[in-house]
Amino acid sequence: NGSTDTTKDISNDVVFGSIFVERELGNGVTVGLDFIPFEAEFESRSTTQTSRTTGTTDTSGTNKGTADVSNHLTLYVQPTKVLDDGSKLFATLGYVKADVESLVQSVSSTNKTVEQTLEGFKIGVGTKRDIGANGIFKLELSRTDYDDISATTSNSTKVTADIDATVLSLSVGRSF
């Protein structure tokens, strides 16, 4: 009912695939688009609560918040330096956008589903190497800082998520 604040740090390890397209501009810069074609549950957390609503009557139950993410898209630019052995070092600067469906369930209120857009910025470093005539191999460490998202029920039960992601990615692709 808006009077209890609970904060938790949560860490999850996940494995997922994505589809990416890149274009080298010829001036040491690559632009790209990365799409994750899966829906995933970012997080689901709950807390048990007992509230006194009238007189001596207690209401007990669980407050729960869930966030499902889909259509995760990253548009990025990668300034690149070619080394003597042909491998490439790069930095990544990107803009991230995704759809989020948040479900908030409250003991003393109606459940509420909220559709939102999640946005953020990505930074990273990595290396690329050509494999054979048309192959490419990439290894990248990146960090994405997403904007906070929140949903509030009719009785002011609010669930807020401050989502950050650190990703070690291995990509194998084909040059056209």
C-alpha atoms as a PDB file:
ATOM      1  CA  ASN A   1       0.000   0.000   0.000  1.00  0.00           C
ATOM      2  CA  GLY A   2       2.874   2.345  -0.710  1.00  0.00           C
ATOM      3  CA  SER A   3       4.371   2.272   2.805  1.00  0.00           C
ATOM      4  CA  THR A   4       6.962  -0.519   2.448  1.00  0.00           C
ATOM      5  CA  ASP A   5      10.189  -0.094   0.521  1.00  0.00           C
ATOM      6  CA  THR A   6      12.157  -3.212  -0.334  1.00  0.00           C
ATOM      7  CA  THR A   7      15.399  -3.114  -2.289  1.00  0.00           C
ATOM      8  CA  LYS A   8      17.206  -6.187  -3.605  1.00  0.00           C
ATOM      9  CA  ASP A   9      20.298  -6.613  -5.760  1.00  0.00           C
ATOM     10  CA  ILE A  10      19.716  -9.491  -8.129  1.00  0.00           C
ATOM     11  CA  SER A  11      22.138 -11.155 -10.516  1.00  0.00           C
ATOM     12  CA  ASN A  12      21.204 -13.674 -13.197  1.00  0.00           C
ATOM     13  CA  ASP A  13      23.384 -15.561 -15.645  1.00  0.00           C
ATOM     14  CA  VAL A  14      21.709 -16.280 -18.974  1.00  0.00           C
ATOM     15  CA  VAL A  15      22.716 -17.582 -22.386  1.00  0.00           C
ATOM     16  CA  PHE A  16      20.954 -16.219 -25.470  1.00  0.00           C
ATOM     17  CA  GLY A  17      21.468 -15.831 -29.182  1.00  0.00           C
ATOM     18  CA  SER A  18      21.055 -12.855 -31.457  1.00  0.00           C
ATOM     19  CA  ILE A  19      21.170 -11.945 -35.118  1.00  0.00           C
ATOM     20  CA  PHE A  20      23.472  -9.117 -36.177  1.00  0.00           C
ATOM     21  CA  VAL A  21      24.237  -7.218 -39.356  1.00  0.00           C
ATOM     22  CA  GLU A  22      27.288  -4.981 -39.720  1.00  0.00           C
ATOM     23  CA  ARG A  23      28.656  -2.679 -42.376  1.00  0.00           C
ATOM     24  CA  GLU A  24      32.262  -1.471 -42.467  1.00  0.00           C
ATOM     25  CA  LEU A  25      32.282   2.131 -43.663  1.00  0.00           C
ATOM     26  CA  GLY A  26      35.902   2.034 -44.805  1.00  0.00           C
ATOM     27  CA  ASN A  27      37.140   4.762 -42.466  1.00  0.00           C
ATOM     28  CA  GLY A  28      37.863   2.527 -39.474  1.00  0.00           C
ATOM     29  CA  VAL A  29      34.224   2.586 -38.356  1.00  0.00           C
ATOM     30  CA  THR A  30      31.645  -0.209 -38.395  1.00  0.00           C
ATOM     31  CA  VAL A  31      27.915   0.333 -37.886  1.00  0.00           C
ATOM     32  CA  GLY A  32      25.640  -2.487 -36.889  1.00  0.00           C
ATOM     33  CA  LEU A  33      22.256  -3.703 -35.766  1.00  0.00           C
ATOM     34  CA  ASP A  34      21.760  -6.564 -33.296  1.00  0.00           C
ATOM     35  CA  PHE A  35      18.366  -8.209 -32.684  1.00  0.00           C
ATOM     36  CA  ILE A  36      17.465 -10.765 -30.015  1.00  0.00           C
ATOM     37  CA  PRO A  37      14.530 -12.745 -31.473  1.00  0.00           C
ATOM     38  CA  PHE A  38      13.451 -14.266 -28.158  1.00  0.00           C
ATOM     39  CA  GLU A  39      11.194 -13.200 -25.306  1.00  0.00           C
ATOM     40  CA  ALA A  40      12.762 -13.459 -21.875  1.00  0.00           C
ATOM     41  CA  GLU A  41      11.729 -12.858 -18.297  1.00  0.00           C
ATOM     42  CA  PHE A  42      14.104 -10.239 -16.924  1.00  0.00           C
ATOM     43  CA  GLU A  43      13.035 -10.860 -13.395  1.00  0.00           C
ATOM     44  CA  SER A  44      10.271 -12.105 -11.166  1.00  0.00           C
ATOM     45  CA  ARG A  45      10.330 -11.247  -7.483  1.00  0.00           C
ATOM     46  CA  SER A  46       7.831 -11.424  -4.675  1.00  0.00           C
ATOM     47  CA  THR A  47       7.444 -10.395  -1.061  1.00  0.00           C
ATOM     48  CA  THR A  48       4.929 -11.583   1.532  1.00  0.00           C
ATOM     49  CA  GLN A  49       2.878  -8.958   3.344  1.00  0.00           C
ATOM     50  CA  THR A  50       0.294  -8.764   6.087  1.00  0.00           C
ATOM     51  CA  SER A  51      -1.863  -5.640   6.205  1.00  0.00           C
ATOM     52  CA  ARG A  52      -4.505  -4.506   8.673  1.00  0.00           C
ATOM     53  CA  THR A  53      -7.295  -3.010   6.604  1.00  0.00           C
ATOM     54  CA  THR A  54     -10.150  -2.413   9.098  1.00  0.00           C
ATOM     55  CA  GLY A  55     -10.341  -2.888  12.833  1.00  0.00           C
ATOM     56  CA  THR A  56      -8.592  -6.141  13.704  1.00  0.00           C
ATOM     57  CA  THR A  57      -8.898  -7.829  10.303  1.00  0.00           C
ATOM     58  CA  ASP A  58      -5.583  -8.807   8.710  1.00  0.00           C
ATOM     59  CA  THR A  59      -5.083  -9.501   5.035  1.00  0.00           C
ATOM     60  CA  SER A  60      -2.069 -11.629   4.106  1.00  0.00           C
ATOM     61  CA  GLY A  61      -0.618 -12.545   0.751  1.00  0.00           C
ATOM     62  CA  THR A  62       2.144 -11.983  -1.718  1.00  0.00           C
ATOM     63  CA  ASN A  63       3.043  -8.925  -3.772  1.00  0.00           C
ATOM     64  CA  LYS A  64       4.774  -9.883  -7.009  1.00  0.00           C
ATOM     65  CA  GLY A  65       6.401  -8.136  -9.946  1.00  0.00           C
ATOM     66  CA  THR A  66       7.461  -9.670 -13.253  1.00  0.00           C
ATOM     67  CA  ALA A  67       9.038  -8.080 -16.333  1.00  0.00           C
ATOM     68  CA  ASP A  68       9.084  -9.856 -19.716  1.00  0.00           C
ATOM     69  CA  VAL A  69      11.297  -8.379 -22.451  1.00  0.00           C
ATOM     70  CA  SER A  70      10.911  -8.832 -26.214  1.00  0.00           C
ATOM     71  CA  ASN A  71      12.034  -7.184 -29.477  1.00  0.00           C
ATOM     72  CA  HIS A  72      15.441  -6.285 -28.026  1.00  0.00           C
ATOM     73  CA  LEU A  73      17.284  -4.187 -30.617  1.00  0.00           C
ATOM     74  CA  THR A  74      20.714  -2.541 -30.466  1.00  0.00           C
ATOM     75  CA  LEU A  75      21.977   0.011 -32.978  1.00  0.00           C
ATOM     76  CA  TYR A  76      25.718   0.517 -32.591  1.00  0.00           C
ATOM     77  CA  VAL A  77      28.873   2.075 -33.962  1.00  0.00           C
ATOM     78  CA  GLN A  78      32.319   0.506 -33.538  1.00  0.00           C
ATOM     79  CA  PRO A  79      35.471   2.590 -34.089  1.00  0.00           C
ATOM     80  CA  THR A  80      38.041  -0.034 -35.102  1.00  0.00           C
ATOM     81  CA  LYS A  81      41.831  -0.290 -35.233  1.00  0.00           C
ATOM     82  CA  VAL A  82      43.433  -2.914 -37.489  1.00  0.00           C
ATOM     83  CA  LEU A  83      46.537  -4.538 -35.980  1.00  0.00           C
ATOM     84  CA  ASP A  84      49.594  -5.804 -37.858  1.00  0.00           C
ATOM     85  CA  ASP A  85      48.391  -9.435 -37.698  1.00  0.00           C
ATOM     86  CA  GLY A  86      45.047  -8.520 -39.340  1.00  0.00           C
ATOM     87  CA  SER A  87      42.951  -8.742 -36.176  1.00  0.00           C
ATOM     88  CA  LYS A  88      40.883  -5.729 -35.176  1.00  0.00           C
ATOM     89  CA  LEU A  89      40.339  -4.038 -31.824  1.00  0.00           C
ATOM     90  CA  PHE A  90      37.113  -2.077 -31.412  1.00  0.00           C
ATOM     91  CA  ALA A  91      35.039  -0.066 -28.991  1.00  0.00           C
ATOM     92  CA  THR A  92      31.235  -0.247 -29.069  1.00  0.00           C
ATOM     93  CA  LEU A  93      28.838   2.633 -28.485  1.00  0.00           C
ATOM     94  CA  GLY A  94      25.190   1.703 -28.856  1.00  0.00           C
ATOM     95  CA  TYR A  95      21.567   2.622 -28.295  1.00  0.00           C
ATOM     96  CA  VAL A  96      19.298  -0.163 -27.011  1.00  0.00           C
ATOM     97  CA  LYS A  97      15.507  -0.434 -27.212  1.00  0.00           C
ATOM     98  CA  ALA A  98      13.125  -3.232 -26.186  1.00  0.00           C
ATOM     99  CA  ASP A  99       9.473  -3.875 -25.344  1.00  0.00           C
ATOM    100  CA  VAL A 100       8.656  -4.702 -21.724  1.00  0.00           C
ATOM    101  CA  GLU A 101       5.480  -6.161 -20.285  1.00  0.00           C
ATOM    102  CA  SER A 102       5.375  -5.676 -16.510  1.00  0.00           C
ATOM    103  CA  LEU A 103       2.874  -7.544 -14.359  1.00  0.00           C
ATOM    104  CA  VAL A 104       2.316  -6.262 -10.827  1.00  0.00           C
ATOM    105  CA  GLN A 105       0.252  -8.379  -8.427  1.00  0.00           C
ATOM    106  CA  SER A 106      -0.718  -6.875  -5.083  1.00  0.00           C
ATOM    107  CA  VAL A 107      -2.378  -8.355  -1.992  1.00  0.00           C
ATOM    108  CA  SER A 108      -4.786  -5.472  -1.566  1.00  0.00           C
ATOM    109  CA  SER A 109      -5.236  -4.278  -5.131  1.00  0.00           C
ATOM    110  CA  THR A 110      -6.109  -5.364  -8.623  1.00  0.00           C
ATOM    111  CA  ASN A 111      -3.331  -6.932 -10.684  1.00  0.00           C
ATOM    112  CA  LYS A 112      -1.990  -4.598 -13.343  1.00  0.00           C
ATOM    113  CA  THR A 113      -0.161  -5.226 -16.609  1.00  0.00           C
ATOM    114  CA  VAL A 114       1.856  -2.352 -18.051  1.00  0.00           C
ATOM    115  CA  GLU A 115       3.349  -2.214 -21.561  1.00  0.00           C
ATOM    116  CA  GLN A 116       6.510  -0.087 -21.672  1.00  0.00           C
ATOM    117  CA  THR A 117       9.525   0.689 -23.812  1.00  0.00           C
ATOM    118  CA  LEU A 118      12.909  -0.032 -22.275  1.00  0.00           C
ATOM    119  CA  GLU A 119      15.794   2.097 -23.535  1.00  0.00           C
ATOM    120  CA  GLY A 120      19.459   2.262 -22.677  1.00  0.00           C
ATOM    121  CA  PHE A 121      23.026   2.791 -23.806  1.00  0.00           C
ATOM    122  CA  LYS A 122      25.715   0.205 -24.445  1.00  0.00           C
ATOM    123  CA  ILE A 123      29.500   0.525 -24.216  1.00  0.00           C
ATOM    124  CA  GLY A 124      32.026  -2.203 -24.837  1.00  0.00           C
ATOM    125  CA  VAL A 125      35.398  -3.345 -26.128  1.00  0.00           C
ATOM    126  CA  GLY A 126      36.344  -6.327 -28.196  1.00  0.00           C
ATOM    127  CA  THR A 127      38.307  -7.978 -30.936  1.00  0.00           C
ATOM    128  CA  LYS A 128      37.381  -9.245 -34.423  1.00  0.00           C
ATOM    129  CA  ARG A 129      39.191 -11.601 -36.727  1.00  0.00           C
ATOM    130  CA  ASP A 130      38.479 -12.853 -40.221  1.00  0.00           C
ATOM    131  CA  ILE A 131      38.040 -16.626 -40.538  1.00  0.00           C
ATOM    132  CA  GLY A 132      38.768 -18.001 -43.985  1.00  0.00           C
ATOM    133  CA  ALA A 133      37.472 -16.155 -47.042  1.00  0.00           C
ATOM    134  CA  ASN A 134      34.056 -15.070 -45.688  1.00  0.00           C
ATOM    135  CA  GLY A 135      33.941 -15.768 -41.958  1.00  0.00           C
ATOM    136  CA  ILE A 136      34.188 -13.433 -38.986  1.00  0.00           C
ATOM    137  CA  PHE A 137      34.817 -14.110 -35.293  1.00  0.00           C
ATOM    138  CA  LYS A 138      34.076 -11.516 -32.576  1.00  0.00           C
ATOM    139  CA  LEU A 139      34.674 -11.498 -28.838  1.00  0.00           C
ATOM    140  CA  GLU A 140      33.239  -8.556 -26.880  1.00  0.00           C
ATOM    141  CA  LEU A 141      32.759  -7.448 -23.291  1.00  0.00           C
ATOM    142  CA  SER A 142      30.003  -4.848 -22.928  1.00  0.00           C
ATOM    143  CA  ARG A 143      27.879  -3.073 -20.370  1.00  0.00           C
ATOM    144  CA  THR A 144      24.333  -1.820 -21.016  1.00  0.00           C
ATOM    145  CA  ASP A 145      22.713   0.693 -18.676  1.00  0.00           C
ATOM    146  CA  TYR A 146      18.937   0.577 -19.152  1.00  0.00           C
ATOM    147  CA  ASP A 147      16.552   3.295 -17.985  1.00  0.00           C
ATOM    148  CA  ASP A 148      14.527   2.486 -14.875  1.00  0.00           C
ATOM    149  CA  ILE A 149      11.085   1.001 -15.453  1.00  0.00           C
ATOM    150  CA  SER A 150       8.213   0.834 -12.967  1.00  0.00           C
ATOM    151  CA  ALA A 151       4.576  -0.117 -12.619  1.00  0.00           C
ATOM    152  CA  THR A 152       2.110   0.997  -9.939  1.00  0.00           C
ATOM    153  CA  THR A 153      -1.190  -0.623  -8.926  1.00  0.00           C
ATOM    154  CA  SER A 154      -4.342   1.263  -7.935  1.00  0.00           C
ATOM    155  CA  ASN A 155      -3.352   1.179  -4.248  1.00  0.00           C
ATOM    156  CA  SER A 156       0.132   2.620  -4.900  1.00  0.00           C
ATOM    157  CA  THR A 157       2.058  -0.658  -4.772  1.00  0.00           C
ATOM    158  CA  LYS A 158       5.010   0.202  -6.968  1.00  0.00           C
ATOM    159  CA  VAL A 159       7.598  -2.117  -8.487  1.00  0.00           C
ATOM    160  CA  THR A 160      10.681  -0.425  -9.954  1.00  0.00           C
ATOM    161  CA  ALA A 161      13.579  -2.074 -11.778  1.00  0.00           C
ATOM    162  CA  ASP A 162      16.988  -0.515 -12.419  1.00  0.00           C
ATOM    163  CA  ILE A 163      18.409  -2.936 -14.967  1.00  0.00           C
ATOM    164  CA  ASP A 164      22.049  -3.105 -16.017  1.00  0.00           C
ATOM    165  CA  ALA A 165      23.619  -5.898 -18.057  1.00  0.00           C
ATOM    166  CA  THR A 166      27.236  -6.976 -18.361  1.00  0.00           C
ATOM    167  CA  VAL A 167      27.672  -9.290 -21.346  1.00  0.00           C
ATOM    168  CA  LEU A 168      30.562 -11.381 -22.637  1.00  0.00           C
ATOM    169  CA  SER A 169      29.614 -12.302 -26.195  1.00  0.00           C
ATOM    170  CA  LEU A 170      31.105 -14.630 -28.748  1.00  0.00           C
ATOM    171  CA  SER A 171      29.866 -14.075 -32.294  1.00  0.00           C
ATOM    172  CA  VAL A 172      30.530 -16.070 -35.430  1.00  0.00           C
ATOM    173  CA  GLY A 173      29.267 -14.747 -38.747  1.00  0.00           C
ATOM    174  CA  ARG A 174      29.595 -14.686 -42.504  1.00  0.00           C
ATOM    175  CA  SER A 175      30.736 -11.756 -44.629  1.00  0.00           C
ATOM    176  CA  PHE A 176      28.809 -11.038 -47.825  1.00  0.00           C
END
